Amino acid sequence: PYTVNSEADMIRLLQYGVTGLFTNYPDVFNRVKASL
């Protein structure tokens, strides 16, 4: 496990179908998730 802080990694993992991840930037993650 590792912390996902880059938008590119968040997008890639969401496209893979992950159901959870750790990040220091939940606001960025929520924005990225809403845009997909």
PDB file of N, CA and C in Angstrom:
ATOM      1  N   PRO A   1       0.827  -1.206   0.000  1.00  0.00           N
ATOM      2  CA  PRO A   1       0.000   0.000   0.000  1.00  0.00           C
ATOM      3  C   PRO A   1       0.867   1.264   0.000  1.00  0.00           C
ATOM      4  N   TYR A   2       0.400   2.269  -0.664  1.00  0.00           N
ATOM      5  CA  TYR A   2       1.110   3.540  -0.697  1.00  0.00           C
ATOM      6  C   TYR A   2       0.104   4.673  -0.799  1.00  0.00           C
ATOM      7  N   THR A   3       0.541   5.861  -0.498  1.00  0.00           N
ATOM      8  CA  THR A   3      -0.321   7.033  -0.535  1.00  0.00           C
ATOM      9  C   THR A   3      -0.405   7.558  -1.964  1.00  0.00           C
ATOM     10  N   VAL A   4      -1.617   7.762  -2.435  1.00  0.00           N
ATOM     11  CA  VAL A   4      -1.857   8.229  -3.799  1.00  0.00           C
ATOM     12  C   VAL A   4      -2.123   9.729  -3.744  1.00  0.00           C
ATOM     13  N   ASN A   5      -1.169  10.522  -4.192  1.00  0.00           N
ATOM     14  CA  ASN A   5      -1.323  11.970  -4.124  1.00  0.00           C
ATOM     15  C   ASN A   5      -1.382  12.653  -5.482  1.00  0.00           C
ATOM     16  N   SER A   6      -1.022  11.971  -6.558  1.00  0.00           N
ATOM     17  CA  SER A   6      -1.072  12.627  -7.872  1.00  0.00           C
ATOM     18  C   SER A   6      -2.405  12.337  -8.555  1.00  0.00           C
ATOM     19  N   GLU A   7      -2.902  13.335  -9.273  1.00  0.00           N
ATOM     20  CA  GLU A   7      -4.170  13.167  -9.978  1.00  0.00           C
ATOM     21  C   GLU A   7      -4.084  12.042 -11.003  1.00  0.00           C
ATOM     22  N   ALA A   8      -2.955  11.928 -11.685  1.00  0.00           N
ATOM     23  CA  ALA A   8      -2.799  10.881 -12.696  1.00  0.00           C
ATOM     24  C   ALA A   8      -2.934   9.499 -12.067  1.00  0.00           C
ATOM     25  N   ASP A   9      -2.325   9.294 -10.913  1.00  0.00           N
ATOM     26  CA  ASP A   9      -2.443   8.002 -10.234  1.00  0.00           C
ATOM     27  C   ASP A   9      -3.871   7.754  -9.775  1.00  0.00           C
ATOM     28  N   MET A  10      -4.539   8.790  -9.283  1.00  0.00           N
ATOM     29  CA  MET A  10      -5.932   8.639  -8.844  1.00  0.00           C
ATOM     30  C   MET A  10      -6.805   8.198 -10.007  1.00  0.00           C
ATOM     31  N   ILE A  11      -6.638   8.847 -11.150  1.00  0.00           N
ATOM     32  CA  ILE A  11      -7.432   8.516 -12.335  1.00  0.00           C
ATOM     33  C   ILE A  11      -7.169   7.080 -12.760  1.00  0.00           C
ATOM     34  N   ARG A  12      -5.899   6.729 -12.838  1.00  0.00           N
ATOM     35  CA  ARG A  12      -5.534   5.371 -13.271  1.00  0.00           C
ATOM     36  C   ARG A  12      -6.138   4.321 -12.340  1.00  0.00           C
ATOM     37  N   LEU A  13      -6.029   4.520 -11.048  1.00  0.00           N
ATOM     38  CA  LEU A  13      -6.545   3.536 -10.103  1.00  0.00           C
ATOM     39  C   LEU A  13      -8.067   3.470 -10.139  1.00  0.00           C
ATOM     40  N   LEU A  14      -8.729   4.608 -10.282  1.00  0.00           N
ATOM     41  CA  LEU A  14     -10.186   4.586 -10.402  1.00  0.00           C
ATOM     42  C   LEU A  14     -10.618   3.849 -11.663  1.00  0.00           C
ATOM     43  N   GLN A  15      -9.882   4.021 -12.746  1.00  0.00           N
ATOM     44  CA  GLN A  15     -10.200   3.306 -13.982  1.00  0.00           C
ATOM     45  C   GLN A  15      -9.970   1.809 -13.831  1.00  0.00           C
ATOM     46  N   TYR A  16      -9.042   1.424 -12.957  1.00  0.00           N
ATOM     47  CA  TYR A  16      -8.820   0.003 -12.671  1.00  0.00           C
ATOM     48  C   TYR A  16      -9.935  -0.578 -11.815  1.00  0.00           C
ATOM     49  N   GLY A  17     -10.737   0.273 -11.200  1.00  0.00           N
ATOM     50  CA  GLY A  17     -11.853  -0.196 -10.399  1.00  0.00           C
ATOM     51  C   GLY A  17     -11.572  -0.334  -8.914  1.00  0.00           C
ATOM     52  N   VAL A  18     -10.528   0.339  -8.417  1.00  0.00           N
ATOM     53  CA  VAL A  18     -10.254   0.251  -6.984  1.00  0.00           C
ATOM     54  C   VAL A  18     -11.432   0.812  -6.200  1.00  0.00           C
ATOM     55  N   THR A  19     -11.640   0.284  -5.017  1.00  0.00           N
ATOM     56  CA  THR A  19     -12.758   0.726  -4.185  1.00  0.00           C
ATOM     57  C   THR A  19     -12.317   1.598  -3.025  1.00  0.00           C
ATOM     58  N   GLY A  20     -11.016   1.769  -2.868  1.00  0.00           N
ATOM     59  CA  GLY A  20     -10.522   2.644  -1.813  1.00  0.00           C
ATOM     60  C   GLY A  20      -9.043   2.902  -1.984  1.00  0.00           C
ATOM     61  N   LEU A  21      -8.600   4.026  -1.451  1.00  0.00           N
ATOM     62  CA  LEU A  21      -7.176   4.359  -1.497  1.00  0.00           C
ATOM     63  C   LEU A  21      -6.869   5.353  -0.391  1.00  0.00           C
ATOM     64  N   PHE A  22      -5.594   5.526  -0.112  1.00  0.00           N
ATOM     65  CA  PHE A  22      -5.138   6.500   0.874  1.00  0.00           C
ATOM     66  C   PHE A  22      -4.540   7.691   0.143  1.00  0.00           C
ATOM     67  N   THR A  23      -4.914   8.903   0.589  1.00  0.00           N
ATOM     68  CA  THR A  23      -4.374  10.117  -0.007  1.00  0.00           C
ATOM     69  C   THR A  23      -4.263  11.202   1.054  1.00  0.00           C
ATOM     70  N   ASN A  24      -3.341  12.105   0.839  1.00  0.00           N
ATOM     71  CA  ASN A  24      -3.233  13.288   1.695  1.00  0.00           C
ATOM     72  C   ASN A  24      -4.116  14.420   1.181  1.00  0.00           C
ATOM     73  N   TYR A  25      -4.751  14.206   0.018  1.00  0.00           N
ATOM     74  CA  TYR A  25      -5.546  15.248  -0.618  1.00  0.00           C
ATOM     75  C   TYR A  25      -6.943  14.735  -0.975  1.00  0.00           C
ATOM     76  N   PRO A  26      -7.806  14.519   0.016  1.00  0.00           N
ATOM     77  CA  PRO A  26      -9.145  13.995  -0.273  1.00  0.00           C
ATOM     78  C   PRO A  26      -9.984  14.938  -1.133  1.00  0.00           C
ATOM     79  N   ASP A  27      -9.751  16.246  -1.032  1.00  0.00           N
ATOM     80  CA  ASP A  27     -10.491  17.187  -1.865  1.00  0.00           C
ATOM     81  C   ASP A  27     -10.156  17.000  -3.340  1.00  0.00           C
ATOM     82  N   VAL A  28      -8.887  16.762  -3.636  1.00  0.00           N
ATOM     83  CA  VAL A  28      -8.468  16.500  -5.016  1.00  0.00           C
ATOM     84  C   VAL A  28      -9.074  15.183  -5.487  1.00  0.00           C
ATOM     85  N   PHE A  29      -9.029  14.162  -4.640  1.00  0.00           N
ATOM     86  CA  PHE A  29      -9.596  12.869  -5.011  1.00  0.00           C
ATOM     87  C   PHE A  29     -11.084  12.992  -5.323  1.00  0.00           C
ATOM     88  N   ASN A  30     -11.835  13.717  -4.482  1.00  0.00           N
ATOM     89  CA  ASN A  30     -13.271  13.868  -4.720  1.00  0.00           C
ATOM     90  C   ASN A  30     -13.544  14.587  -6.031  1.00  0.00           C
ATOM     91  N   ARG A  31     -12.730  15.585  -6.365  1.00  0.00           N
ATOM     92  CA  ARG A  31     -12.895  16.295  -7.636  1.00  0.00           C
ATOM     93  C   ARG A  31     -12.599  15.381  -8.817  1.00  0.00           C
ATOM     94  N   VAL A  32     -11.515  14.603  -8.709  1.00  0.00           N
ATOM     95  CA  VAL A  32     -11.141  13.676  -9.778  1.00  0.00           C
ATOM     96  C   VAL A  32     -12.226  12.624  -9.960  1.00  0.00           C
ATOM     97  N   LYS A  33     -12.703  12.064  -8.862  1.00  0.00           N
ATOM     98  CA  LYS A  33     -13.728  11.016  -8.934  1.00  0.00           C
ATOM     99  C   LYS A  33     -15.012  11.549  -9.563  1.00  0.00           C
ATOM    100  N   ALA A  34     -15.398  12.762  -9.212  1.00  0.00           N
ATOM    101  CA  ALA A  34     -16.619  13.350  -9.765  1.00  0.00           C
ATOM    102  C   ALA A  34     -16.489  13.641 -11.255  1.00  0.00           C
ATOM    103  N   SER A  35     -15.269  13.856 -11.729  1.00  0.00           N
ATOM    104  CA  SER A  35     -15.080  14.203 -13.139  1.00  0.00           C
ATOM    105  C   SER A  35     -15.083  12.990 -14.062  1.00  0.00           C
ATOM    106  N   LEU A  36     -14.996  11.790 -13.497  1.00  0.00           N
ATOM    107  CA  LEU A  36     -14.953  10.588 -14.346  1.00  0.00           C
ATOM    108  C   LEU A  36     -16.336  10.072 -14.661  1.00  0.00           C
TER     109      LEU A  36
END
